[in-house]
Amino acid sequence: MVTIISRKTGTEKINKLLASISNKEKYLKASKYSGKLKLKETPLTIQKKLRNEWN
């Protein structure tokens, strides 16, 4: 959803728009994906493999 706010838009109207948006949309819970990765190789070897992909 795109909301266009101009300089002439009053604060009451902006607050109403923000309230209508926040009720409808769900946000990503980033804490669900935070943590450590268990890697089988070192990050440097993974990076070298990715960069050498074209050769």
PDB file of N, CA and C in Angstrom:
ATOM      1  N   MET A   1       0.837  -1.169   0.000  1.00  0.00           N
ATOM      2  CA  MET A   1       0.000   0.000   0.000  1.00  0.00           C
ATOM      3  C   MET A   1       0.888   1.239   0.000  1.00  0.00           C
ATOM      4  N   VAL A   2       0.570   2.183  -0.857  1.00  0.00           N
ATOM      5  CA  VAL A   2       1.330   3.413  -0.958  1.00  0.00           C
ATOM      6  C   VAL A   2       0.467   4.552  -0.446  1.00  0.00           C
ATOM      7  N   THR A   3       1.030   5.327   0.455  1.00  0.00           N
ATOM      8  CA  THR A   3       0.335   6.480   1.000  1.00  0.00           C
ATOM      9  C   THR A   3       1.147   7.715   0.682  1.00  0.00           C
ATOM     10  N   ILE A   4       0.528   8.655   0.025  1.00  0.00           N
ATOM     11  CA  ILE A   4       1.217   9.881  -0.350  1.00  0.00           C
ATOM     12  C   ILE A   4       0.837  10.972   0.636  1.00  0.00           C
ATOM     13  N   ILE A   5       1.859  11.575   1.227  1.00  0.00           N
ATOM     14  CA  ILE A   5       1.640  12.637   2.203  1.00  0.00           C
ATOM     15  C   ILE A   5       2.331  13.885   1.670  1.00  0.00           C
ATOM     16  N   SER A   6       1.576  14.951   1.520  1.00  0.00           N
ATOM     17  CA  SER A   6       2.146  16.207   1.046  1.00  0.00           C
ATOM     18  C   SER A   6       2.406  17.124   2.237  1.00  0.00           C
ATOM     19  N   ARG A   7       2.952  18.280   1.948  1.00  0.00           N
ATOM     20  CA  ARG A   7       3.253  19.245   3.013  1.00  0.00           C
ATOM     21  C   ARG A   7       1.982  19.795   3.643  1.00  0.00           C
ATOM     22  N   LYS A   8       0.901  19.792   2.896  1.00  0.00           N
ATOM     23  CA  LYS A   8      -0.351  20.360   3.380  1.00  0.00           C
ATOM     24  C   LYS A   8      -1.155  19.394   4.244  1.00  0.00           C
ATOM     25  N   THR A   9      -0.744  18.140   4.306  1.00  0.00           N
ATOM     26  CA  THR A   9      -1.464  17.141   5.079  1.00  0.00           C
ATOM     27  C   THR A   9      -1.313  17.443   6.562  1.00  0.00           C
ATOM     28  N   GLY A  10      -2.440  17.467   7.261  1.00  0.00           N
ATOM     29  CA  GLY A  10      -2.425  17.780   8.684  1.00  0.00           C
ATOM     30  C   GLY A  10      -1.984  16.606   9.537  1.00  0.00           C
ATOM     31  N   THR A  11      -1.630  16.888  10.774  1.00  0.00           N
ATOM     32  CA  THR A  11      -1.147  15.841  11.666  1.00  0.00           C
ATOM     33  C   THR A  11      -2.246  14.846  12.021  1.00  0.00           C
ATOM     34  N   GLU A  12      -3.483  15.316  12.115  1.00  0.00           N
ATOM     35  CA  GLU A  12      -4.594  14.407  12.423  1.00  0.00           C
ATOM     36  C   GLU A  12      -4.785  13.376  11.320  1.00  0.00           C
ATOM     37  N   LYS A  13      -4.708  13.831  10.086  1.00  0.00           N
ATOM     38  CA  LYS A  13      -4.869  12.923   8.956  1.00  0.00           C
ATOM     39  C   LYS A  13      -3.710  11.930   8.889  1.00  0.00           C
ATOM     40  N   ILE A  14      -2.499  12.394   9.170  1.00  0.00           N
ATOM     41  CA  ILE A  14      -1.341  11.500   9.172  1.00  0.00           C
ATOM     42  C   ILE A  14      -1.496  10.441  10.254  1.00  0.00           C
ATOM     43  N   ASN A  15      -1.937  10.818  11.429  1.00  0.00           N
ATOM     44  CA  ASN A  15      -2.144   9.856  12.518  1.00  0.00           C
ATOM     45  C   ASN A  15      -3.216   8.830  12.158  1.00  0.00           C
ATOM     46  N   LYS A  16      -4.267   9.257  11.476  1.00  0.00           N
ATOM     47  CA  LYS A  16      -5.316   8.326  11.042  1.00  0.00           C
ATOM     48  C   LYS A  16      -4.771   7.337  10.020  1.00  0.00           C
ATOM     49  N   LEU A  17      -3.966   7.831   9.091  1.00  0.00           N
ATOM     50  CA  LEU A  17      -3.368   6.949   8.085  1.00  0.00           C
ATOM     51  C   LEU A  17      -2.437   5.930   8.728  1.00  0.00           C
ATOM     52  N   LEU A  18      -1.628   6.369   9.671  1.00  0.00           N
ATOM     53  CA  LEU A  18      -0.715   5.454  10.354  1.00  0.00           C
ATOM     54  C   LEU A  18      -1.476   4.408  11.159  1.00  0.00           C
ATOM     55  N   ALA A  19      -2.559   4.800  11.780  1.00  0.00           N
ATOM     56  CA  ALA A  19      -3.356   3.858  12.560  1.00  0.00           C
ATOM     57  C   ALA A  19      -4.016   2.825  11.657  1.00  0.00           C
ATOM     58  N   SER A  20      -4.472   3.232  10.497  1.00  0.00           N
ATOM     59  CA  SER A  20      -5.120   2.285   9.589  1.00  0.00           C
ATOM     60  C   SER A  20      -4.117   1.303   8.996  1.00  0.00           C
ATOM     61  N   ILE A  21      -2.898   1.737   8.784  1.00  0.00           N
ATOM     62  CA  ILE A  21      -1.870   0.855   8.235  1.00  0.00           C
ATOM     63  C   ILE A  21      -1.418  -0.158   9.274  1.00  0.00           C
ATOM     64  N   SER A  22      -1.168   0.289  10.494  1.00  0.00           N
ATOM     65  CA  SER A  22      -0.604  -0.596  11.515  1.00  0.00           C
ATOM     66  C   SER A  22      -1.573  -1.705  11.914  1.00  0.00           C
ATOM     67  N   ASN A  23      -2.846  -1.519  11.753  1.00  0.00           N
ATOM     68  CA  ASN A  23      -3.810  -2.551  12.119  1.00  0.00           C
ATOM     69  C   ASN A  23      -3.887  -3.667  11.089  1.00  0.00           C
ATOM     70  N   LYS A  24      -3.596  -3.383   9.832  1.00  0.00           N
ATOM     71  CA  LYS A  24      -3.811  -4.343   8.760  1.00  0.00           C
ATOM     72  C   LYS A  24      -2.601  -5.205   8.457  1.00  0.00           C
ATOM     73  N   GLU A  25      -1.406  -4.659   8.577  1.00  0.00           N
ATOM     74  CA  GLU A  25      -0.222  -5.373   8.132  1.00  0.00           C
ATOM     75  C   GLU A  25       0.461  -6.124   9.262  1.00  0.00           C
ATOM     76  N   LYS A  26       1.053  -7.246   8.905  1.00  0.00           N
ATOM     77  CA  LYS A  26       1.834  -8.018   9.854  1.00  0.00           C
ATOM     78  C   LYS A  26       3.305  -7.742   9.576  1.00  0.00           C
ATOM     79  N   TYR A  27       4.069  -7.645  10.627  1.00  0.00           N
ATOM     80  CA  TYR A  27       5.480  -7.340  10.482  1.00  0.00           C
ATOM     81  C   TYR A  27       6.320  -8.587  10.694  1.00  0.00           C
ATOM     82  N   LEU A  28       7.495  -8.586  10.125  1.00  0.00           N
ATOM     83  CA  LEU A  28       8.436  -9.682  10.241  1.00  0.00           C
ATOM     84  C   LEU A  28       9.049  -9.674  11.637  1.00  0.00           C
ATOM     85  N   LYS A  29       9.032 -10.819  12.288  1.00  0.00           N
ATOM     86  CA  LYS A  29       9.676 -10.952  13.590  1.00  0.00           C
ATOM     87  C   LYS A  29      11.104 -11.417  13.353  1.00  0.00           C
ATOM     88  N   ALA A  30      12.043 -10.470  13.358  1.00  0.00           N
ATOM     89  CA  ALA A  30      13.435 -10.766  13.050  1.00  0.00           C
ATOM     90  C   ALA A  30      14.082 -11.620  14.128  1.00  0.00           C
ATOM     91  N   SER A  31      13.583 -11.561  15.348  1.00  0.00           N
ATOM     92  CA  SER A  31      14.171 -12.348  16.426  1.00  0.00           C
ATOM     93  C   SER A  31      14.032 -13.848  16.171  1.00  0.00           C
ATOM     94  N   LYS A  32      13.087 -14.212  15.343  1.00  0.00           N
ATOM     95  CA  LYS A  32      12.891 -15.618  14.998  1.00  0.00           C
ATOM     96  C   LYS A  32      14.096 -16.169  14.239  1.00  0.00           C
ATOM     97  N   TYR A  33      14.764 -15.317  13.465  1.00  0.00           N
ATOM     98  CA  TYR A  33      15.868 -15.752  12.625  1.00  0.00           C
ATOM     99  C   TYR A  33      17.243 -15.414  13.202  1.00  0.00           C
ATOM    100  N   SER A  34      17.304 -14.814  14.370  1.00  0.00           N
ATOM    101  CA  SER A  34      18.602 -14.452  14.934  1.00  0.00           C
ATOM    102  C   SER A  34      19.235 -15.655  15.620  1.00  0.00           C
ATOM    103  N   GLY A  35      20.545 -15.675  15.626  1.00  0.00           N
ATOM    104  CA  GLY A  35      21.254 -16.774  16.260  1.00  0.00           C
ATOM    105  C   GLY A  35      22.543 -17.075  15.538  1.00  0.00           C
ATOM    106  N   LYS A  36      23.089 -18.237  15.790  1.00  0.00           N
ATOM    107  CA  LYS A  36      24.350 -18.632  15.185  1.00  0.00           C
ATOM    108  C   LYS A  36      24.115 -19.667  14.102  1.00  0.00           C
ATOM    109  N   LEU A  37      24.996 -19.662  13.119  1.00  0.00           N
ATOM    110  CA  LEU A  37      24.960 -20.654  12.059  1.00  0.00           C
ATOM    111  C   LEU A  37      25.992 -21.731  12.358  1.00  0.00           C
ATOM    112  N   LYS A  38      25.636 -22.951  12.131  1.00  0.00           N
ATOM    113  CA  LYS A  38      26.587 -24.041  12.261  1.00  0.00           C
ATOM    114  C   LYS A  38      27.117 -24.353  10.869  1.00  0.00           C
ATOM    115  N   LEU A  39      28.366 -23.992  10.643  1.00  0.00           N
ATOM    116  CA  LEU A  39      28.980 -24.169   9.334  1.00  0.00           C
ATOM    117  C   LEU A  39      29.902 -25.371   9.346  1.00  0.00           C
ATOM    118  N   LYS A  40      29.934 -26.086   8.242  1.00  0.00           N
ATOM    119  CA  LYS A  40      30.837 -27.225   8.101  1.00  0.00           C
ATOM    120  C   LYS A  40      32.212 -26.772   7.628  1.00  0.00           C
ATOM    121  N   GLU A  41      32.268 -25.599   6.987  1.00  0.00           N
ATOM    122  CA  GLU A  41      33.518 -25.047   6.484  1.00  0.00           C
ATOM    123  C   GLU A  41      33.712 -23.654   7.062  1.00  0.00           C
ATOM    124  N   THR A  42      34.912 -23.142   6.912  1.00  0.00           N
ATOM    125  CA  THR A  42      35.167 -21.782   7.383  1.00  0.00           C
ATOM    126  C   THR A  42      34.532 -20.782   6.414  1.00  0.00           C
ATOM    127  N   PRO A  43      34.170 -19.625   6.896  1.00  0.00           N
ATOM    128  CA  PRO A  43      33.566 -18.618   6.015  1.00  0.00           C
ATOM    129  C   PRO A  43      34.466 -18.214   4.856  1.00  0.00           C
ATOM    130  N   LEU A  44      35.766 -18.232   5.070  1.00  0.00           N
ATOM    131  CA  LEU A  44      36.693 -17.855   4.004  1.00  0.00           C
ATOM    132  C   LEU A  44      36.659 -18.855   2.844  1.00  0.00           C
ATOM    133  N   THR A  45      36.582 -20.146   3.137  1.00  0.00           N
ATOM    134  CA  THR A  45      36.509 -21.141   2.063  1.00  0.00           C
ATOM    135  C   THR A  45      35.176 -21.068   1.330  1.00  0.00           C
ATOM    136  N   ILE A  46      34.120 -20.789   2.043  1.00  0.00           N
ATOM    137  CA  ILE A  46      32.805 -20.621   1.394  1.00  0.00           C
ATOM    138  C   ILE A  46      32.845 -19.428   0.449  1.00  0.00           C
ATOM    139  N   GLN A  47      33.459 -18.326   0.896  1.00  0.00           N
ATOM    140  CA  GLN A  47      33.557 -17.134   0.059  1.00  0.00           C
ATOM    141  C   GLN A  47      34.398 -17.408  -1.180  1.00  0.00           C
ATOM    142  N   LYS A  48      35.486 -18.136  -1.037  1.00  0.00           N
ATOM    143  CA  LYS A  48      36.321 -18.457  -2.183  1.00  0.00           C
ATOM    144  C   LYS A  48      35.577 -19.323  -3.192  1.00  0.00           C
ATOM    145  N   LYS A  49      34.778 -20.271  -2.709  1.00  0.00           N
ATOM    146  CA  LYS A  49      33.986 -21.113  -3.608  1.00  0.00           C
ATOM    147  C   LYS A  49      32.953 -20.289  -4.368  1.00  0.00           C
ATOM    148  N   LEU A  50      32.321 -19.353  -3.677  1.00  0.00           N
ATOM    149  CA  LEU A  50      31.321 -18.529  -4.334  1.00  0.00           C
ATOM    150  C   LEU A  50      31.941 -17.629  -5.394  1.00  0.00           C
ATOM    151  N   ARG A  51      33.102 -17.087  -5.113  1.00  0.00           N
ATOM    152  CA  ARG A  51      33.760 -16.209  -6.079  1.00  0.00           C
ATOM    153  C   ARG A  51      34.362 -16.996  -7.240  1.00  0.00           C
ATOM    154  N   ASN A  52      34.684 -18.240  -7.014  1.00  0.00           N
ATOM    155  CA  ASN A  52      35.256 -19.069  -8.050  1.00  0.00           C
ATOM    156  C   ASN A  52      34.177 -19.783  -8.860  1.00  0.00           C
ATOM    157  N   GLU A  53      32.951 -19.447  -8.627  1.00  0.00           N
ATOM    158  CA  GLU A  53      31.821 -20.115  -9.277  1.00  0.00           C
ATOM    159  C   GLU A  53      31.836 -19.952 -10.792  1.00  0.00           C
ATOM    160  N   TRP A  54      32.340 -18.825 -11.292  1.00  0.00           N
ATOM    161  CA  TRP A  54      32.305 -18.545 -12.714  1.00  0.00           C
ATOM    162  C   TRP A  54      33.448 -19.215 -13.482  1.00  0.00           C
ATOM    163  N   ASN A  55      34.430 -19.717 -12.779  1.00  0.00           N
ATOM    164  CA  ASN A  55      35.581 -20.329 -13.454  1.00  0.00           C
ATOM    165  C   ASN A  55      35.391 -21.806 -13.654  1.00  0.00           C
TER     166      ASN A  55
END
